[in-house]
Amino acid sequence: MSKLTPKEVQHVARLARLALTPDEIQQYTADLSAILDYAQQLQEVDTDHIHPTASVLPLRNVMRPDEARPGLDPDDALSNAPAQQDGYFKVNAVLEGSQ
């Protein structure tokens, strides 16, 4: 059984920059001790026959294949532009000192 002390909980709280009340320290002492006990139980499980894995689910790509397709016709792209010049969108300058 892993029993944390209130002093250890205060130390962790100080490292995490948490201000805990005495009641919170007592509550977290019990809660964190229970978590450590459960983690210890997991350490006792025999996993020698289990292969290491990053995920229990099979990996699959959810992206569609990258296929070349014709792009938007430039005239169609510029058809609703409020201003255009030489086949490009014309916009106001956004840099200081630009005209």
N, C-alpha and C. Protein backbone atom coordinates (compact mmCIF):
# COMPACT_ATOMS: atom_id res chain seq x y z
N MET A 1 0.85 -1.19 0.00
CA MET A 1 0.00 0.00 0.00
C MET A 1 0.89 1.24 0.00
N SER A 2 0.66 2.13 -0.97
CA SER A 2 1.43 3.37 -1.08
C SER A 2 0.69 4.48 -0.37
N LYS A 3 1.17 4.85 0.76
CA LYS A 3 0.51 5.90 1.54
C LYS A 3 1.34 7.17 1.46
N LEU A 4 0.79 8.18 0.80
CA LEU A 4 1.45 9.47 0.76
C LEU A 4 1.23 10.20 2.08
N THR A 5 2.15 11.06 2.39
CA THR A 5 2.00 11.88 3.59
C THR A 5 1.48 13.25 3.18
N PRO A 6 0.84 13.97 4.08
CA PRO A 6 0.42 15.33 3.75
C PRO A 6 1.61 16.22 3.34
N LYS A 7 2.77 15.96 3.92
CA LYS A 7 3.95 16.75 3.56
C LYS A 7 4.33 16.52 2.09
N GLU A 8 4.21 15.27 1.61
CA GLU A 8 4.50 14.98 0.21
C GLU A 8 3.49 15.65 -0.72
N VAL A 9 2.23 15.65 -0.31
CA VAL A 9 1.19 16.31 -1.12
C VAL A 9 1.45 17.81 -1.16
N GLN A 10 1.83 18.41 -0.04
CA GLN A 10 2.16 19.83 -0.02
C GLN A 10 3.34 20.12 -0.95
N HIS A 11 4.32 19.23 -0.96
CA HIS A 11 5.49 19.42 -1.82
C HIS A 11 5.07 19.40 -3.30
N VAL A 12 4.26 18.43 -3.68
CA VAL A 12 3.79 18.34 -5.07
C VAL A 12 2.95 19.57 -5.42
N ALA A 13 2.10 19.99 -4.49
CA ALA A 13 1.28 21.18 -4.73
C ALA A 13 2.15 22.41 -4.93
N ARG A 14 3.19 22.54 -4.14
CA ARG A 14 4.09 23.68 -4.28
C ARG A 14 4.79 23.64 -5.64
N LEU A 15 5.22 22.46 -6.09
CA LEU A 15 5.85 22.33 -7.41
C LEU A 15 4.89 22.70 -8.54
N ALA A 16 3.62 22.38 -8.33
CA ALA A 16 2.59 22.68 -9.33
C ALA A 16 2.01 24.09 -9.16
N ARG A 17 2.55 24.83 -8.21
CA ARG A 17 2.09 26.20 -7.93
C ARG A 17 0.60 26.23 -7.57
N LEU A 18 0.20 25.25 -6.73
CA LEU A 18 -1.18 25.17 -6.26
C LEU A 18 -1.23 25.54 -4.79
N ALA A 19 -2.18 26.36 -4.43
CA ALA A 19 -2.41 26.71 -3.03
C ALA A 19 -3.55 25.83 -2.53
N LEU A 20 -3.24 24.90 -1.63
CA LEU A 20 -4.26 23.98 -1.12
C LEU A 20 -4.59 24.31 0.33
N THR A 21 -5.86 24.17 0.65
CA THR A 21 -6.30 24.33 2.03
C THR A 21 -5.95 23.05 2.79
N PRO A 22 -5.95 23.09 4.13
CA PRO A 22 -5.69 21.87 4.90
C PRO A 22 -6.68 20.73 4.56
N ASP A 23 -7.95 21.08 4.32
CA ASP A 23 -8.92 20.06 3.95
C ASP A 23 -8.59 19.44 2.59
N GLU A 24 -8.16 20.27 1.65
CA GLU A 24 -7.78 19.76 0.32
C GLU A 24 -6.55 18.87 0.42
N ILE A 25 -5.61 19.24 1.28
CA ILE A 25 -4.41 18.42 1.46
C ILE A 25 -4.79 17.04 1.96
N GLN A 26 -5.69 16.97 2.94
CA GLN A 26 -6.14 15.68 3.46
C GLN A 26 -6.86 14.88 2.38
N GLN A 27 -7.72 15.55 1.60
CA GLN A 27 -8.47 14.86 0.54
C GLN A 27 -7.53 14.33 -0.53
N TYR A 28 -6.59 15.16 -0.98
CA TYR A 28 -5.65 14.73 -2.01
C TYR A 28 -4.69 13.67 -1.50
N THR A 29 -4.36 13.70 -0.23
CA THR A 29 -3.52 12.65 0.34
C THR A 29 -4.20 11.30 0.18
N ALA A 30 -5.48 11.23 0.50
CA ALA A 30 -6.23 9.99 0.36
C ALA A 30 -6.41 9.61 -1.12
N ASP A 31 -6.81 10.58 -1.94
CA ASP A 31 -7.07 10.29 -3.35
C ASP A 31 -5.81 9.85 -4.09
N LEU A 32 -4.73 10.57 -3.90
CA LEU A 32 -3.49 10.23 -4.60
C LEU A 32 -2.91 8.91 -4.10
N SER A 33 -3.07 8.62 -2.83
CA SER A 33 -2.63 7.32 -2.30
C SER A 33 -3.41 6.19 -2.95
N ALA A 34 -4.72 6.38 -3.14
CA ALA A 34 -5.54 5.35 -3.79
C ALA A 34 -5.11 5.16 -5.24
N ILE A 35 -4.77 6.24 -5.93
CA ILE A 35 -4.31 6.14 -7.32
C ILE A 35 -2.99 5.37 -7.38
N LEU A 36 -2.07 5.67 -6.47
CA LEU A 36 -0.80 4.95 -6.45
C LEU A 36 -0.99 3.47 -6.12
N ASP A 37 -1.93 3.16 -5.25
CA ASP A 37 -2.23 1.76 -4.94
C ASP A 37 -2.73 1.03 -6.18
N TYR A 38 -3.60 1.68 -6.94
CA TYR A 38 -4.11 1.07 -8.17
C TYR A 38 -2.99 0.88 -9.19
N ALA A 39 -2.11 1.87 -9.31
CA ALA A 39 -0.98 1.74 -10.23
C ALA A 39 -0.09 0.58 -9.81
N GLN A 40 0.07 0.37 -8.52
CA GLN A 40 0.87 -0.76 -8.03
C GLN A 40 0.20 -2.09 -8.40
N GLN A 41 -1.12 -2.14 -8.33
CA GLN A 41 -1.84 -3.36 -8.74
C GLN A 41 -1.57 -3.65 -10.22
N LEU A 42 -1.56 -2.62 -11.04
CA LEU A 42 -1.30 -2.81 -12.47
C LEU A 42 0.11 -3.33 -12.71
N GLN A 43 1.07 -2.89 -11.88
CA GLN A 43 2.45 -3.35 -12.02
C GLN A 43 2.57 -4.84 -11.73
N GLU A 44 1.65 -5.39 -10.96
CA GLU A 44 1.71 -6.80 -10.59
C GLU A 44 1.11 -7.73 -11.64
N VAL A 45 0.46 -7.17 -12.67
CA VAL A 45 -0.13 -7.99 -13.73
C VAL A 45 0.98 -8.56 -14.60
N ASP A 46 0.89 -9.86 -14.91
CA ASP A 46 1.88 -10.52 -15.75
C ASP A 46 1.65 -10.12 -17.21
N THR A 47 2.57 -9.37 -17.77
CA THR A 47 2.46 -8.93 -19.17
C THR A 47 3.59 -9.48 -20.03
N ASP A 48 4.26 -10.54 -19.57
CA ASP A 48 5.39 -11.10 -20.32
C ASP A 48 4.97 -11.61 -21.70
N HIS A 49 3.76 -12.09 -21.83
CA HIS A 49 3.30 -12.64 -23.12
C HIS A 49 2.60 -11.58 -23.99
N ILE A 50 2.57 -10.35 -23.54
CA ILE A 50 1.93 -9.27 -24.29
C ILE A 50 3.00 -8.48 -25.05
N HIS A 51 2.80 -8.35 -26.35
CA HIS A 51 3.75 -7.59 -27.16
C HIS A 51 3.51 -6.08 -26.98
N PRO A 52 4.57 -5.29 -26.91
CA PRO A 52 4.41 -3.83 -26.79
C PRO A 52 3.67 -3.28 -28.01
N THR A 53 2.83 -2.30 -27.77
CA THR A 53 2.08 -1.69 -28.86
C THR A 53 1.77 -0.24 -28.52
N ALA A 54 1.65 0.57 -29.54
CA ALA A 54 1.30 1.98 -29.34
C ALA A 54 -0.21 2.16 -29.31
N SER A 55 -0.94 1.22 -29.92
CA SER A 55 -2.38 1.33 -29.98
C SER A 55 -2.98 -0.07 -30.05
N VAL A 56 -4.12 -0.25 -29.43
CA VAL A 56 -4.78 -1.55 -29.48
C VAL A 56 -5.65 -1.66 -30.72
N LEU A 57 -5.86 -0.57 -31.42
CA LEU A 57 -6.69 -0.57 -32.61
C LEU A 57 -5.81 -0.62 -33.86
N PRO A 58 -6.28 -1.23 -34.93
CA PRO A 58 -5.48 -1.23 -36.16
C PRO A 58 -5.39 0.19 -36.73
N LEU A 59 -4.25 0.49 -37.33
CA LEU A 59 -4.07 1.80 -37.91
C LEU A 59 -4.71 1.86 -39.29
N ARG A 60 -5.34 2.95 -39.59
CA ARG A 60 -5.88 3.15 -40.93
C ARG A 60 -5.88 4.64 -41.24
N ASN A 61 -5.63 4.95 -42.47
CA ASN A 61 -5.57 6.33 -42.91
C ASN A 61 -6.99 6.81 -43.23
N VAL A 62 -7.40 7.92 -42.66
CA VAL A 62 -8.74 8.44 -42.90
C VAL A 62 -8.75 9.50 -44.00
N MET A 63 -7.58 9.75 -44.58
CA MET A 63 -7.49 10.75 -45.64
C MET A 63 -7.75 10.08 -46.99
N ARG A 64 -8.30 10.84 -47.90
CA ARG A 64 -8.53 10.30 -49.24
C ARG A 64 -7.20 10.28 -50.00
N PRO A 65 -7.11 9.45 -51.00
CA PRO A 65 -5.88 9.44 -51.80
C PRO A 65 -5.65 10.79 -52.47
N ASP A 66 -4.40 11.18 -52.58
CA ASP A 66 -4.05 12.44 -53.22
C ASP A 66 -3.99 12.21 -54.72
N GLU A 67 -4.99 12.68 -55.42
CA GLU A 67 -5.08 12.49 -56.86
C GLU A 67 -5.10 13.84 -57.56
N ALA A 68 -4.35 13.94 -58.63
CA ALA A 68 -4.32 15.19 -59.41
C ALA A 68 -5.66 15.36 -60.12
N ARG A 69 -6.21 16.56 -60.02
CA ARG A 69 -7.46 16.89 -60.69
C ARG A 69 -7.31 18.28 -61.29
N PRO A 70 -8.11 18.59 -62.29
CA PRO A 70 -8.02 19.94 -62.86
C PRO A 70 -8.41 20.99 -61.82
N GLY A 71 -7.70 22.10 -61.84
CA GLY A 71 -7.98 23.18 -60.92
C GLY A 71 -9.08 24.08 -61.43
N LEU A 72 -9.37 25.10 -60.65
CA LEU A 72 -10.39 26.08 -61.02
C LEU A 72 -9.87 26.95 -62.15
N ASP A 73 -10.70 27.17 -63.13
CA ASP A 73 -10.33 28.03 -64.25
C ASP A 73 -10.09 29.45 -63.73
N PRO A 74 -8.98 30.10 -64.12
CA PRO A 74 -8.68 31.45 -63.61
C PRO A 74 -9.81 32.45 -63.85
N ASP A 75 -10.46 32.37 -64.99
CA ASP A 75 -11.56 33.30 -65.26
C ASP A 75 -12.72 33.08 -64.30
N ASP A 76 -12.99 31.80 -63.97
CA ASP A 76 -14.05 31.50 -63.00
C ASP A 76 -13.66 32.00 -61.61
N ALA A 77 -12.39 31.82 -61.25
CA ALA A 77 -11.93 32.26 -59.93
C ALA A 77 -12.04 33.76 -59.78
N LEU A 78 -11.78 34.49 -60.84
CA LEU A 78 -11.81 35.96 -60.78
C LEU A 78 -13.18 36.55 -61.09
N SER A 79 -14.14 35.71 -61.44
CA SER A 79 -15.43 36.23 -61.89
C SER A 79 -16.16 37.06 -60.83
N ASN A 80 -15.99 36.77 -59.56
CA ASN A 80 -16.67 37.53 -58.51
C ASN A 80 -15.73 38.47 -57.76
N ALA A 81 -14.51 38.60 -58.23
CA ALA A 81 -13.55 39.47 -57.55
C ALA A 81 -13.97 40.92 -57.70
N PRO A 82 -13.95 41.70 -56.62
CA PRO A 82 -14.32 43.11 -56.73
C PRO A 82 -13.32 43.90 -57.57
N ALA A 83 -12.06 43.44 -57.59
CA ALA A 83 -11.05 44.11 -58.42
C ALA A 83 -10.05 43.06 -58.88
N GLN A 84 -9.59 43.20 -60.12
CA GLN A 84 -8.59 42.28 -60.66
C GLN A 84 -7.68 43.04 -61.61
N GLN A 85 -6.49 42.50 -61.77
CA GLN A 85 -5.53 43.15 -62.66
C GLN A 85 -4.58 42.08 -63.20
N ASP A 86 -4.46 42.02 -64.50
CA ASP A 86 -3.55 41.09 -65.18
C ASP A 86 -3.76 39.64 -64.75
N GLY A 87 -5.00 39.23 -64.54
CA GLY A 87 -5.29 37.86 -64.19
C GLY A 87 -5.11 37.52 -62.72
N TYR A 88 -4.97 38.53 -61.85
CA TYR A 88 -4.78 38.30 -60.41
C TYR A 88 -5.82 39.10 -59.64
N PHE A 89 -6.07 38.67 -58.39
CA PHE A 89 -6.91 39.46 -57.50
C PHE A 89 -6.15 40.74 -57.16
N LYS A 90 -6.85 41.87 -57.16
CA LYS A 90 -6.23 43.13 -56.77
C LYS A 90 -6.80 43.51 -55.41
N VAL A 91 -5.90 43.72 -54.44
CA VAL A 91 -6.32 44.06 -53.08
C VAL A 91 -5.55 45.31 -52.64
N ASN A 92 -6.10 45.95 -51.62
CA ASN A 92 -5.42 47.11 -51.07
C ASN A 92 -4.16 46.66 -50.33
N ALA A 93 -3.14 47.49 -50.33
CA ALA A 93 -1.90 47.19 -49.63
C ALA A 93 -2.17 47.08 -48.14
N VAL A 94 -1.49 46.15 -47.48
CA VAL A 94 -1.69 45.95 -46.05
C VAL A 94 -0.44 46.28 -45.25
N LEU A 95 0.62 46.67 -45.90
CA LEU A 95 1.86 47.01 -45.22
C LEU A 95 1.97 48.52 -45.05
N GLU A 96 2.58 48.96 -43.96
CA GLU A 96 2.75 50.39 -43.74
C GLU A 96 3.60 50.99 -44.84
N GLY A 97 3.22 52.15 -45.30
CA GLY A 97 3.99 52.84 -46.31
C GLY A 97 3.74 52.33 -47.73
N SER A 98 2.90 51.31 -47.88
CA SER A 98 2.60 50.79 -49.23
C SER A 98 1.45 51.58 -49.80
N GLN A 99 1.40 51.56 -51.11
CA GLN A 99 0.32 52.29 -51.77
C GLN A 99 -0.55 51.34 -52.55
